[in-house]
PDB file of N, CA and C in Angstrom:
ATOM      1  N   UNK A   1       0.881  -1.320   0.137  1.00  0.00           N
ATOM      2  CA  UNK A   1       0.085  -0.032   0.087  1.00  0.00           C
ATOM      3  C   UNK A   1       0.886   1.307   0.120  1.00  0.00           C
ATOM      4  N   UNK A   2       0.573   2.206  -0.829  1.00  0.00           N
ATOM      5  CA  UNK A   2       1.555   3.475  -0.854  1.00  0.00           C
ATOM      6  C   UNK A   2       1.096   4.077   0.297  1.00  0.00           C
ATOM      7  N   UNK A   3       2.042   4.939   0.584  1.00  0.00           N
ATOM      8  CA  UNK A   3       2.081   5.872   1.659  1.00  0.00           C
ATOM      9  C   UNK A   3       0.956   7.029   1.254  1.00  0.00           C
ATOM     10  N   UNK A   4      -0.212   6.979   2.048  1.00  0.00           N
ATOM     11  CA  UNK A   4      -1.288   7.959   1.861  1.00  0.00           C
ATOM     12  C   UNK A   4      -0.803   9.493   2.223  1.00  0.00           C
ATOM     13  N   UNK A   5      -0.055   9.465   3.195  1.00  0.00           N
ATOM     14  CA  UNK A   5       0.253  11.016   3.266  1.00  0.00           C
ATOM     15  C   UNK A   5       0.989  11.816   2.267  1.00  0.00           C
ATOM     16  N   UNK A   6       1.845  10.927   1.455  1.00  0.00           N
ATOM     17  CA  UNK A   6       2.892  11.186   0.428  1.00  0.00           C
ATOM     18  C   UNK A   6       2.045  11.753  -0.832  1.00  0.00           C
ATOM     19  N   UNK A   7       0.981  10.686  -0.807  1.00  0.00           N
ATOM     20  CA  UNK A   7      -0.033  10.821  -2.059  1.00  0.00           C
ATOM     21  C   UNK A   7      -1.070  11.842  -1.682  1.00  0.00           C
ATOM     22  N   UNK A   8      -1.510  12.359  -0.756  1.00  0.00           N
ATOM     23  CA  UNK A   8      -2.535  13.573  -0.626  1.00  0.00           C
ATOM     24  C   UNK A   8      -1.760  14.727  -0.492  1.00  0.00           C
ATOM     25  N   UNK A   9      -0.571  14.937  -0.705  1.00  0.00           N
ATOM     26  CA  UNK A   9       0.006  16.167   0.015  1.00  0.00           C
ATOM     27  C   UNK A   9      -0.397  17.436  -1.366  1.00  0.00           C
ATOM     28  N   UNK A  10      -0.465  17.083  -2.401  1.00  0.00           N
ATOM     29  CA  UNK A  10      -1.340  18.020  -3.471  1.00  0.00           C
ATOM     30  C   UNK A  10      -2.534  18.119  -3.550  1.00  0.00           C
ATOM     31  N   UNK A  11      -3.346  17.273  -2.862  1.00  0.00           N
ATOM     32  CA  UNK A  11      -4.686  16.993  -3.173  1.00  0.00           C
ATOM     33  C   UNK A  11      -5.528  18.191  -2.303  1.00  0.00           C
ATOM     34  N   UNK A  12      -6.410  18.671  -3.106  1.00  0.00           N
ATOM     35  CA  UNK A  12      -7.375  19.944  -2.661  1.00  0.00           C
ATOM     36  C   UNK A  12      -8.319  19.506  -1.600  1.00  0.00           C
ATOM     37  N   UNK A  13      -7.923  19.652   0.062  1.00  0.00           N
ATOM     38  CA  UNK A  13      -8.952  19.336   0.866  1.00  0.00           C
ATOM     39  C   UNK A  13     -10.295  19.677   0.977  1.00  0.00           C
ATOM     40  N   UNK A  14     -10.852  20.464   0.046  1.00  0.00           N
ATOM     41  CA  UNK A  14     -12.122  21.232   0.151  1.00  0.00           C
ATOM     42  C   UNK A  14     -12.945  20.476  -0.828  1.00  0.00           C
ATOM     43  N   UNK A  15     -14.191  20.280  -0.282  1.00  0.00           N
ATOM     44  CA  UNK A  15     -15.424  19.637  -1.048  1.00  0.00           C
ATOM     45  C   UNK A  15     -15.818  20.237  -2.427  1.00  0.00           C
ATOM     46  N   UNK A  16     -16.014  19.441  -3.389  1.00  0.00           N
ATOM     47  CA  UNK A  16     -16.249  20.138  -4.630  1.00  0.00           C
ATOM     48  C   UNK A  16     -17.386  18.977  -5.337  1.00  0.00           C
ATOM     49  N   UNK A  17     -18.244  19.867  -6.048  1.00  0.00           N
ATOM     50  CA  UNK A  17     -19.554  19.145  -6.737  1.00  0.00           C
ATOM     51  C   UNK A  17     -18.587  18.181  -7.943  1.00  0.00           C
ATOM     52  N   UNK A  18     -19.319  17.345  -7.900  1.00  0.00           N
ATOM     53  CA  UNK A  18     -18.879  16.254  -8.670  1.00  0.00           C
ATOM     54  C   UNK A  18     -19.781  15.933 -10.048  1.00  0.00           C
ATOM     55  N   UNK A  19     -19.493  15.204 -10.842  1.00  0.00           N
ATOM     56  CA  UNK A  19     -20.210  14.545 -12.194  1.00  0.00           C
ATOM     57  C   UNK A  19     -20.590  13.444 -11.896  1.00  0.00           C
ATOM     58  N   UNK A  20     -21.875  13.140 -11.563  1.00  0.00           N
ATOM     59  CA  UNK A  20     -22.624  11.939 -11.133  1.00  0.00           C
ATOM     60  C   UNK A  20     -22.387  11.121 -12.569  1.00  0.00           C
ATOM     61  N   UNK A  21     -22.277  11.185 -13.773  1.00  0.00           N
ATOM     62  CA  UNK A  21     -22.173  10.172 -14.996  1.00  0.00           C
ATOM     63  C   UNK A  21     -20.463   9.855 -14.624  1.00  0.00           C
ATOM     64  N   UNK A  22     -19.807  10.650 -14.134  1.00  0.00           N
ATOM     65  CA  UNK A  22     -18.428  10.369 -14.150  1.00  0.00           C
ATOM     66  C   UNK A  22     -18.197   9.173 -12.880  1.00  0.00           C
ATOM     67  N   UNK A  23     -18.862   9.609 -11.826  1.00  0.00           N
ATOM     68  CA  UNK A  23     -19.126   8.844 -10.824  1.00  0.00           C
ATOM     69  C   UNK A  23     -19.329   7.451 -10.918  1.00  0.00           C
ATOM     70  N   UNK A  24     -20.628   7.171 -11.968  1.00  0.00           N
ATOM     71  CA  UNK A  24     -21.298   5.741 -12.132  1.00  0.00           C
ATOM     72  C   UNK A  24     -20.634   5.080 -13.131  1.00  0.00           C
ATOM     73  N   UNK A  25     -19.612   5.747 -13.892  1.00  0.00           N
ATOM     74  CA  UNK A  25     -18.999   4.834 -15.164  1.00  0.00           C
ATOM     75  C   UNK A  25     -18.246   3.858 -14.749  1.00  0.00           C
ATOM     76  N   UNK A  26     -17.674   3.851 -13.588  1.00  0.00           N
ATOM     77  CA  UNK A  26     -16.604   2.688 -13.252  1.00  0.00           C
ATOM     78  C   UNK A  26     -17.554   1.375 -12.889  1.00  0.00           C
ATOM     79  N   UNK A  27     -18.738   1.431 -12.030  1.00  0.00           N
ATOM     80  CA  UNK A  27     -19.825   0.162 -11.464  1.00  0.00           C
ATOM     81  C   UNK A  27     -20.893   0.333 -12.055  1.00  0.00           C
ATOM     82  N   UNK A  28     -21.380   1.368 -12.859  1.00  0.00           N
ATOM     83  CA  UNK A  28     -22.600   1.499 -13.478  1.00  0.00           C
ATOM     84  C   UNK A  28     -23.680   1.547 -12.659  1.00  0.00           C
ATOM     85  N   UNK A  29     -23.375   2.017 -11.284  1.00  0.00           N
ATOM     86  CA  UNK A  29     -24.604   2.061 -10.346  1.00  0.00           C
ATOM     87  C   UNK A  29     -24.138   3.120  -9.278  1.00  0.00           C
ATOM     88  N   UNK A  30     -25.151   4.214  -9.094  1.00  0.00           N
ATOM     89  CA  UNK A  30     -24.416   5.071  -8.035  1.00  0.00           C
ATOM     90  C   UNK A  30     -24.207   4.459  -6.492  1.00  0.00           C
ATOM     91  N   UNK A  31     -24.876   3.859  -6.252  1.00  0.00           N
ATOM     92  CA  UNK A  31     -25.238   2.964  -4.901  1.00  0.00           C
ATOM     93  C   UNK A  31     -23.897   2.313  -4.683  1.00  0.00           C
ATOM     94  N   UNK A  32     -23.268   1.522  -5.671  1.00  0.00           N
ATOM     95  CA  UNK A  32     -22.369   0.844  -5.635  1.00  0.00           C
ATOM     96  C   UNK A  32     -21.209   1.649  -5.569  1.00  0.00           C
ATOM     97  N   UNK A  33     -21.099   2.760  -6.258  1.00  0.00           N
ATOM     98  CA  UNK A  33     -20.170   3.631  -6.322  1.00  0.00           C
ATOM     99  C   UNK A  33     -19.698   3.987  -4.612  1.00  0.00           C
ATOM    100  N   UNK A  34     -21.049   4.519  -4.278  1.00  0.00           N
ATOM    101  CA  UNK A  34     -20.947   4.988  -2.966  1.00  0.00           C
ATOM    102  C   UNK A  34     -20.330   4.310  -1.885  1.00  0.00           C
ATOM    103  N   UNK A  35     -20.797   2.970  -2.223  1.00  0.00           N
ATOM    104  CA  UNK A  35     -20.375   1.817  -1.207  1.00  0.00           C
ATOM    105  C   UNK A  35     -18.857   1.891  -0.997  1.00  0.00           C
ATOM    106  N   UNK A  36     -18.459   1.508  -2.349  1.00  0.00           N
ATOM    107  CA  UNK A  36     -16.817   1.312  -2.448  1.00  0.00           C
ATOM    108  C   UNK A  36     -16.263   2.528  -2.023  1.00  0.00           C
ATOM    109  N   UNK A  37     -16.599   3.806  -2.017  1.00  0.00           N
ATOM    110  CA  UNK A  37     -15.697   4.917  -1.662  1.00  0.00           C
ATOM    111  C   UNK A  37     -15.799   5.110  -0.423  1.00  0.00           C
ATOM    112  N   UNK A  38     -17.129   4.660   0.457  1.00  0.00           N
ATOM    113  CA  UNK A  38     -17.153   4.814   1.803  1.00  0.00           C
ATOM    114  C   UNK A  38     -16.616   3.845   2.672  1.00  0.00           C
ATOM    115  N   UNK A  39     -16.350   2.764   2.031  1.00  0.00           N
ATOM    116  CA  UNK A  39     -15.759   1.568   2.540  1.00  0.00           C
ATOM    117  C   UNK A  39     -13.936   1.565   2.458  1.00  0.00           C
ATOM    118  N   UNK A  40     -13.789   2.452   1.597  1.00  0.00           N
ATOM    119  CA  UNK A  40     -12.223   2.879   1.602  1.00  0.00           C
ATOM    120  C   UNK A  40     -11.998   4.018   2.424  1.00  0.00           C
ATOM    121  N   UNK A  41     -12.907   4.798   2.561  1.00  0.00           N
ATOM    122  CA  UNK A  41     -13.166   6.068   3.303  1.00  0.00           C
ATOM    123  C   UNK A  41     -12.534   5.708   4.584  1.00  0.00           C
ATOM    124  N   UNK A  42     -13.499   4.453   4.979  1.00  0.00           N
ATOM    125  CA  UNK A  42     -13.280   3.994   6.349  1.00  0.00           C
ATOM    126  C   UNK A  42     -11.909   3.178   6.613  1.00  0.00           C
ATOM    127  N   UNK A  43     -11.293   2.508   5.523  1.00  0.00           N
ATOM    128  CA  UNK A  43      -9.832   1.910   5.531  1.00  0.00           C
ATOM    129  C   UNK A  43      -8.805   3.188   5.795  1.00  0.00           C
ATOM    130  N   UNK A  44      -9.103   4.080   5.204  1.00  0.00           N
ATOM    131  CA  UNK A  44      -8.162   5.330   5.034  1.00  0.00           C
ATOM    132  C   UNK A  44      -8.043   5.965   6.604  1.00  0.00           C
ATOM    133  N   UNK A  45      -9.540   6.144   6.977  1.00  0.00           N
ATOM    134  CA  UNK A  45      -9.381   6.606   8.325  1.00  0.00           C
ATOM    135  C   UNK A  45      -8.745   5.893   9.199  1.00  0.00           C
ATOM    136  N   UNK A  46      -9.041   4.588   9.358  1.00  0.00           N
ATOM    137  CA  UNK A  46      -8.484   3.474  10.491  1.00  0.00           C
ATOM    138  C   UNK A  46      -6.986   3.734  10.148  1.00  0.00           C
ATOM    139  N   UNK A  47      -6.357   3.660   9.133  1.00  0.00           N
ATOM    140  CA  UNK A  47      -4.934   3.623   8.916  1.00  0.00           C
ATOM    141  C   UNK A  47      -4.366   4.898   9.238  1.00  0.00           C
ATOM    142  N   UNK A  48      -5.161   5.828   9.107  1.00  0.00           N
ATOM    143  CA  UNK A  48      -4.314   7.174   9.633  1.00  0.00           C
ATOM    144  C   UNK A  48      -4.380   7.167  11.059  1.00  0.00           C
ATOM    145  N   UNK A  49      -5.502   6.747  11.495  1.00  0.00           N
ATOM    146  CA  UNK A  49      -5.830   6.794  12.914  1.00  0.00           C
ATOM    147  C   UNK A  49      -4.597   6.071  13.779  1.00  0.00           C
ATOM    148  N   UNK A  50      -4.674   4.907  13.025  1.00  0.00           N
ATOM    149  CA  UNK A  50      -3.359   3.811  13.658  1.00  0.00           C
ATOM    150  C   UNK A  50      -1.958   4.408  13.744  1.00  0.00           C
ATOM    151  N   UNK A  51      -1.513   5.220  12.277  1.00  0.00           N
ATOM    152  CA  UNK A  51      -0.096   6.000  12.219  1.00  0.00           C
ATOM    153  C   UNK A  51      -0.007   7.087  13.264  1.00  0.00           C
ATOM    154  N   UNK A  52      -1.419   7.854  13.586  1.00  0.00           N
ATOM    155  CA  UNK A  52      -1.307   8.880  14.243  1.00  0.00           C
ATOM    156  C   UNK A  52      -0.946   8.572  15.676  1.00  0.00           C
ATOM    157  N   UNK A  53      -1.573   7.699  16.093  1.00  0.00           N
ATOM    158  CA  UNK A  53      -1.631   6.990  17.623  1.00  0.00           C
ATOM    159  C   UNK A  53      -0.128   6.497  17.815  1.00  0.00           C
ATOM    160  N   UNK A  54       0.296   5.827  16.901  1.00  0.00           N
ATOM    161  CA  UNK A  54       1.646   4.950  16.970  1.00  0.00           C
ATOM    162  C   UNK A  54       2.767   6.103  17.379  1.00  0.00           C
ATOM    163  N   UNK A  55       2.565   7.314  16.446  1.00  0.00           N
ATOM    164  CA  UNK A  55       3.648   8.211  16.441  1.00  0.00           C
ATOM    165  C   UNK A  55       3.263   8.964  17.833  1.00  0.00           C
ATOM    166  N   UNK A  56       2.297   9.112  18.321  1.00  0.00           N
ATOM    167  CA  UNK A  56       2.020   9.850  19.651  1.00  0.00           C
ATOM    168  C   UNK A  56       2.337   9.214  20.528  1.00  0.00           C
ATOM    169  N   UNK A  57       2.373   7.609  20.699  1.00  0.00           N
ATOM    170  CA  UNK A  57       2.717   6.885  21.758  1.00  0.00           C
ATOM    171  C   UNK A  57       4.206   6.992  21.803  1.00  0.00           C
ATOM    172  N   UNK A  58       4.904   7.484  20.934  1.00  0.00           N
ATOM    173  CA  UNK A  58       6.443   7.722  21.413  1.00  0.00           C
ATOM    174  C   UNK A  58       6.579   8.683  22.262  1.00  0.00           C
ATOM    175  N   UNK A  59       5.950   9.750  22.343  1.00  0.00           N
ATOM    176  CA  UNK A  59       5.959  10.847  23.281  1.00  0.00           C
ATOM    177  C   UNK A  59       5.351  10.621  24.456  1.00  0.00           C
ATOM    178  N   UNK A  60       4.334   9.639  24.713  1.00  0.00           N
ATOM    179  CA  UNK A  60       4.027   9.554  25.760  1.00  0.00           C
ATOM    180  C   UNK A  60       4.675   9.412  27.281  1.00  0.00           C
ATOM    181  N   UNK A  61       4.660  10.006  28.082  1.00  0.00           N
ATOM    182  CA  UNK A  61       5.215   9.552  29.537  1.00  0.00           C
ATOM    183  C   UNK A  61       4.352   9.126  30.305  1.00  0.00           C
ATOM    184  N   UNK A  62       4.520   8.138  31.086  1.00  0.00           N
ATOM    185  CA  UNK A  62       3.691   7.401  32.151  1.00  0.00           C
ATOM    186  C   UNK A  62       3.784   7.904  33.344  1.00  0.00           C
ATOM    187  N   UNK A  63       2.881   8.670  34.297  1.00  0.00           N
ATOM    188  CA  UNK A  63       2.928   9.167  35.362  1.00  0.00           C
ATOM    189  C   UNK A  63       2.070   8.962  36.263  1.00  0.00           C
ATOM    190  N   UNK A  64       1.839   8.819  37.348  1.00  0.00           N
ATOM    191  CA  UNK A  64       0.971   8.602  38.436  1.00  0.00           C
ATOM    192  C   UNK A  64      -0.081   9.493  38.539  1.00  0.00           C
ATOM    193  N   UNK A  65       0.127  10.911  38.058  1.00  0.00           N
ATOM    194  CA  UNK A  65      -0.825  11.624  38.258  1.00  0.00           C
ATOM    195  C   UNK A  65      -1.508  12.327  36.869  1.00  0.00           C
ATOM    196  N   UNK A  66      -2.691  12.247  36.808  1.00  0.00           N
ATOM    197  CA  UNK A  66      -3.484  12.631  35.750  1.00  0.00           C
ATOM    198  C   UNK A  66      -3.214  14.059  35.229  1.00  0.00           C
ATOM    199  N   UNK A  67      -2.829  14.907  36.458  1.00  0.00           N
ATOM    200  CA  UNK A  67      -2.943  16.579  36.239  1.00  0.00           C
ATOM    201  C   UNK A  67      -1.710  16.812  35.429  1.00  0.00           C
ATOM    202  N   UNK A  68      -0.676  16.143  35.290  1.00  0.00           N
ATOM    203  CA  UNK A  68       0.501  16.473  34.846  1.00  0.00           C
ATOM    204  C   UNK A  68       0.278  15.912  33.322  1.00  0.00           C
ATOM    205  N   UNK A  69       0.434  17.217  32.531  1.00  0.00           N
ATOM    206  CA  UNK A  69       0.357  17.058  30.993  1.00  0.00           C
ATOM    207  C   UNK A  69       1.807  17.906  30.499  1.00  0.00           C
ATOM    208  N   UNK A  70       2.316  16.813  29.375  1.00  0.00           N
ATOM    209  CA  UNK A  70       3.495  17.604  28.846  1.00  0.00           C
ATOM    210  C   UNK A  70       3.280  17.932  27.711  1.00  0.00           C
ATOM    211  N   UNK A  71       3.411  19.039  27.105  1.00  0.00           N
ATOM    212  CA  UNK A  71       3.143  19.256  25.727  1.00  0.00           C
ATOM    213  C   UNK A  71       4.483  19.109  25.121  1.00  0.00           C
ATOM    214  N   UNK A  72       4.442  18.730  23.716  1.00  0.00           N
ATOM    215  CA  UNK A  72       6.039  18.810  23.402  1.00  0.00           C
ATOM    216  C   UNK A  72       5.426  19.080  21.730  1.00  0.00           C
ATOM    217  N   UNK A  73       6.311  20.126  21.256  1.00  0.00           N
ATOM    218  CA  UNK A  73       6.236  20.941  20.032  1.00  0.00           C
ATOM    219  C   UNK A  73       6.175  20.037  19.081  1.00  0.00           C
ATOM    220  N   UNK A  74       7.178  18.789  18.854  1.00  0.00           N
ATOM    221  CA  UNK A  74       6.866  17.662  18.043  1.00  0.00           C
ATOM    222  C   UNK A  74       5.730  17.008  17.874  1.00  0.00           C
ATOM    223  N   UNK A  75       5.075  16.585  19.030  1.00  0.00           N
ATOM    224  CA  UNK A  75       3.794  16.276  19.260  1.00  0.00           C
ATOM    225  C   UNK A  75       2.837  17.031  18.576  1.00  0.00           C
ATOM    226  N   UNK A  76       2.664  18.074  18.949  1.00  0.00           N
ATOM    227  CA  UNK A  76       1.775  19.279  18.363  1.00  0.00           C
ATOM    228  C   UNK A  76       1.889  19.297  16.674  1.00  0.00           C
ATOM    229  N   UNK A  77       3.319  19.293  16.152  1.00  0.00           N
ATOM    230  CA  UNK A  77       3.233  19.595  14.921  1.00  0.00           C
ATOM    231  C   UNK A  77       2.819  18.376  13.958  1.00  0.00           C
ATOM    232  N   UNK A  78       2.856  17.102  14.632  1.00  0.00           N
ATOM    233  CA  UNK A  78       2.601  15.764  14.130  1.00  0.00           C
ATOM    234  C   UNK A  78       0.863  16.050  14.270  1.00  0.00           C
ATOM    235  N   UNK A  79       0.634  16.118  15.448  1.00  0.00           N
ATOM    236  CA  UNK A  79      -1.138  16.511  15.334  1.00  0.00           C
ATOM    237  C   UNK A  79      -1.738  17.312  14.032  1.00  0.00           C
ATOM    238  N   UNK A  80      -1.011  18.389  13.955  1.00  0.00           N
ATOM    239  CA  UNK A  80      -1.315  19.450  12.856  1.00  0.00           C
ATOM    240  C   UNK A  80      -1.283  18.821  11.610  1.00  0.00           C
ATOM    241  N   UNK A  81      -0.197  18.056  11.634  1.00  0.00           N
ATOM    242  CA  UNK A  81      -0.236  17.670  10.058  1.00  0.00           C
ATOM    243  C   UNK A  81      -1.045  16.726   9.584  1.00  0.00           C
ATOM    244  N   UNK A  82      -1.539  15.854  10.669  1.00  0.00           N
ATOM    245  CA  UNK A  82      -2.728  14.855  10.458  1.00  0.00           C
ATOM    246  C   UNK A  82      -3.833  15.662  10.395  1.00  0.00           C
ATOM    247  N   UNK A  83      -4.210  17.033  11.120  1.00  0.00           N
ATOM    248  CA  UNK A  83      -5.385  17.603  10.922  1.00  0.00           C
ATOM    249  C   UNK A  83      -5.752  18.280   9.771  1.00  0.00           C
ATOM    250  N   UNK A  84      -4.317  18.653   8.825  1.00  0.00           N
ATOM    251  CA  UNK A  84      -4.474  19.487   7.757  1.00  0.00           C
ATOM    252  C   UNK A  84      -4.670  18.443   6.550  1.00  0.00           C
ATOM    253  N   UNK A  85      -4.585  17.010   6.909  1.00  0.00           N
ATOM    254  CA  UNK A  85      -4.982  16.413   5.425  1.00  0.00           C
ATOM    255  C   UNK A  85      -6.339  16.118   5.028  1.00  0.00           C
ATOM    256  N   UNK A  86      -6.639  15.872   4.166  1.00  0.00           N
ATOM    257  CA  UNK A  86      -8.032  15.971   3.609  1.00  0.00           C
ATOM    258  C   UNK A  86      -8.856  14.710   3.978  1.00  0.00           C
ATOM    259  N   UNK A  87     -10.190  15.214   4.287  1.00  0.00           N
ATOM    260  CA  UNK A  87     -11.100  14.027   4.684  1.00  0.00           C
ATOM    261  C   UNK A  87     -10.869  12.884   3.880  1.00  0.00           C
ATOM    262  N   UNK A  88     -10.815  11.647   4.697  1.00  0.00           N
ATOM    263  CA  UNK A  88     -10.818  10.430   4.177  1.00  0.00           C
ATOM    264  C   UNK A  88     -11.870  10.365   3.161  1.00  0.00           C
ATOM    265  N   UNK A  89     -12.955  10.629   2.977  1.00  0.00           N
ATOM    266  CA  UNK A  89     -14.181  10.629   1.955  1.00  0.00           C
ATOM    267  C   UNK A  89     -13.455  11.342   0.685  1.00  0.00           C
ATOM    268  N   UNK A  90     -12.918  12.072   0.908  1.00  0.00           N
ATOM    269  CA  UNK A  90     -12.030  13.113  -0.248  1.00  0.00           C
ATOM    270  C   UNK A  90     -11.219  12.150  -0.887  1.00  0.00           C
ATOM    271  N   UNK A  91     -10.343  11.855  -0.293  1.00  0.00           N
ATOM    272  CA  UNK A  91      -9.207  10.992  -0.767  1.00  0.00           C
ATOM    273  C   UNK A  91      -9.728   9.451  -1.421  1.00  0.00           C
ATOM    274  N   UNK A  92     -10.577   9.110  -0.932  1.00  0.00           N
ATOM    275  CA  UNK A  92     -11.402   7.859  -1.374  1.00  0.00           C
ATOM    276  C   UNK A  92     -12.062   8.228  -2.724  1.00  0.00           C
ATOM    277  N   UNK A  93     -12.487   9.335  -2.760  1.00  0.00           N
ATOM    278  CA  UNK A  93     -13.459   9.860  -3.864  1.00  0.00           C
ATOM    279  C   UNK A  93     -12.251  10.239  -5.027  1.00  0.00           C
ATOM    280  N   UNK A  94     -11.341  10.391  -4.624  1.00  0.00           N
ATOM    281  CA  UNK A  94     -10.056  10.969  -5.728  1.00  0.00           C
ATOM    282  C   UNK A  94      -9.390   9.521  -6.443  1.00  0.00           C
ATOM    283  N   UNK A  95      -9.157   8.491  -5.353  1.00  0.00           N
ATOM    284  CA  UNK A  95      -8.902   7.121  -5.583  1.00  0.00           C
ATOM    285  C   UNK A  95      -9.950   6.357  -6.993  1.00  0.00           C
ATOM    286  N   UNK A  96     -10.897   6.446  -6.233  1.00  0.00           N
ATOM    287  CA  UNK A  96     -12.261   6.117  -7.060  1.00  0.00           C
ATOM    288  C   UNK A  96     -12.208   6.621  -8.427  1.00  0.00           C
ATOM    289  N   UNK A  97     -12.119   8.074  -8.717  1.00  0.00           N
ATOM    290  CA  UNK A  97     -12.218   8.448  -9.747  1.00  0.00           C
ATOM    291  C   UNK A  97     -10.971   8.394 -10.798  1.00  0.00           C
ATOM    292  N   UNK A  98      -9.816   8.086 -10.241  1.00  0.00           N
ATOM    293  CA  UNK A  98      -8.611   7.666 -11.011  1.00  0.00           C
ATOM    294  C   UNK A  98      -8.531   6.522 -11.116  1.00  0.00           C
ATOM    295  N   UNK A  99      -9.465   5.379 -10.871  1.00  0.00           N
ATOM    296  CA  UNK A  99      -9.199   4.004 -10.964  1.00  0.00           C
ATOM    297  C   UNK A  99      -8.287   3.566 -10.275  1.00  0.00           C
ATOM    298  N   UNK A 100      -8.144   4.004  -8.886  1.00  0.00           N
ATOM    299  CA  UNK A 100      -6.994   3.264  -7.938  1.00  0.00           C
ATOM    300  C   UNK A 100      -7.719   2.134  -7.144  1.00  0.00           C
ATOM    301  N   UNK A 101      -8.818   2.324  -7.362  1.00  0.00           N
ATOM    302  CA  UNK A 101      -9.923   1.455  -6.367  1.00  0.00           C
ATOM    303  C   UNK A 101     -10.172  -0.143  -7.289  1.00  0.00           C
ATOM    304  N   UNK A 102     -10.002  -1.396  -6.508  1.00  0.00           N
ATOM    305  CA  UNK A 102     -10.271  -2.477  -6.989  1.00  0.00           C
ATOM    306  C   UNK A 102     -11.801  -2.630  -6.476  1.00  0.00           C
ATOM    307  N   UNK A 103     -12.503  -2.839  -7.068  1.00  0.00           N
ATOM    308  CA  UNK A 103     -13.892  -3.179  -6.508  1.00  0.00           C
ATOM    309  C   UNK A 103     -14.298  -4.672  -6.667  1.00  0.00           C
ATOM    310  N   UNK A 104     -14.555  -5.724  -5.680  1.00  0.00           N
ATOM    311  CA  UNK A 104     -14.770  -6.764  -5.890  1.00  0.00           C
ATOM    312  C   UNK A 104     -16.183  -7.186  -5.118  1.00  0.00           C
ATOM    313  N   UNK A 105     -17.022  -7.876  -5.409  1.00  0.00           N
ATOM    314  CA  UNK A 105     -18.207  -8.418  -4.732  1.00  0.00           C
ATOM    315  C   UNK A 105     -18.201  -9.537  -4.284  1.00  0.00           C
ATOM    316  N   UNK A 106     -19.172  -9.885  -3.314  1.00  0.00           N
ATOM    317  CA  UNK A 106     -18.952 -11.034  -2.649  1.00  0.00           C
ATOM    318  C   UNK A 106     -19.051 -12.094  -3.315  1.00  0.00           C
ATOM    319  N   UNK A 107     -20.024 -12.053  -4.111  1.00  0.00           N
ATOM    320  CA  UNK A 107     -20.105 -13.111  -5.286  1.00  0.00           C
ATOM    321  C   UNK A 107     -18.830 -13.800  -5.759  1.00  0.00           C
ATOM    322  N   UNK A 108     -18.135 -12.971  -6.287  1.00  0.00           N
ATOM    323  CA  UNK A 108     -16.830 -12.865  -7.141  1.00  0.00           C
ATOM    324  C   UNK A 108     -15.657 -13.800  -6.096  1.00  0.00           C
ATOM    325  N   UNK A 109     -15.698 -13.410  -4.698  1.00  0.00           N
ATOM    326  CA  UNK A 109     -15.099 -13.567  -3.802  1.00  0.00           C
ATOM    327  C   UNK A 109     -14.937 -15.013  -3.637  1.00  0.00           C
ATOM    328  N   UNK A 110     -16.147 -15.638  -3.593  1.00  0.00           N
ATOM    329  CA  UNK A 110     -16.514 -16.985  -3.178  1.00  0.00           C
ATOM    330  C   UNK A 110     -16.348 -17.992  -4.348  1.00  0.00           C
ATOM    331  N   UNK A 111     -16.448 -17.342  -5.448  1.00  0.00           N
ATOM    332  CA  UNK A 111     -16.103 -18.255  -6.839  1.00  0.00           C
ATOM    333  C   UNK A 111     -14.788 -18.719  -6.895  1.00  0.00           C
TER     334      UNK A 111
END
């Protein structure tokens, strides 16, 4: 799997209107297109969440009291970087429109 963070650096994070005919072309059905995009968006979201938590765990300091909060400039920068990334749904839509998603149906998987 390619590194999503590098892939989406030049991607516009703003939502924009899409041509429905262009969206339907790969699957022939708008609902199938939306399901494919939403499942991929969930995968991207989970992957980014795991990456962020892994990076932030490096900075975690175990202490006996909850009141002790240590702010680290590197930790803040990492968090801001992930906040600036486009929404996973936007990333998944771009992947779908550029033919980067492989759509498999359950019936095909069994056969």
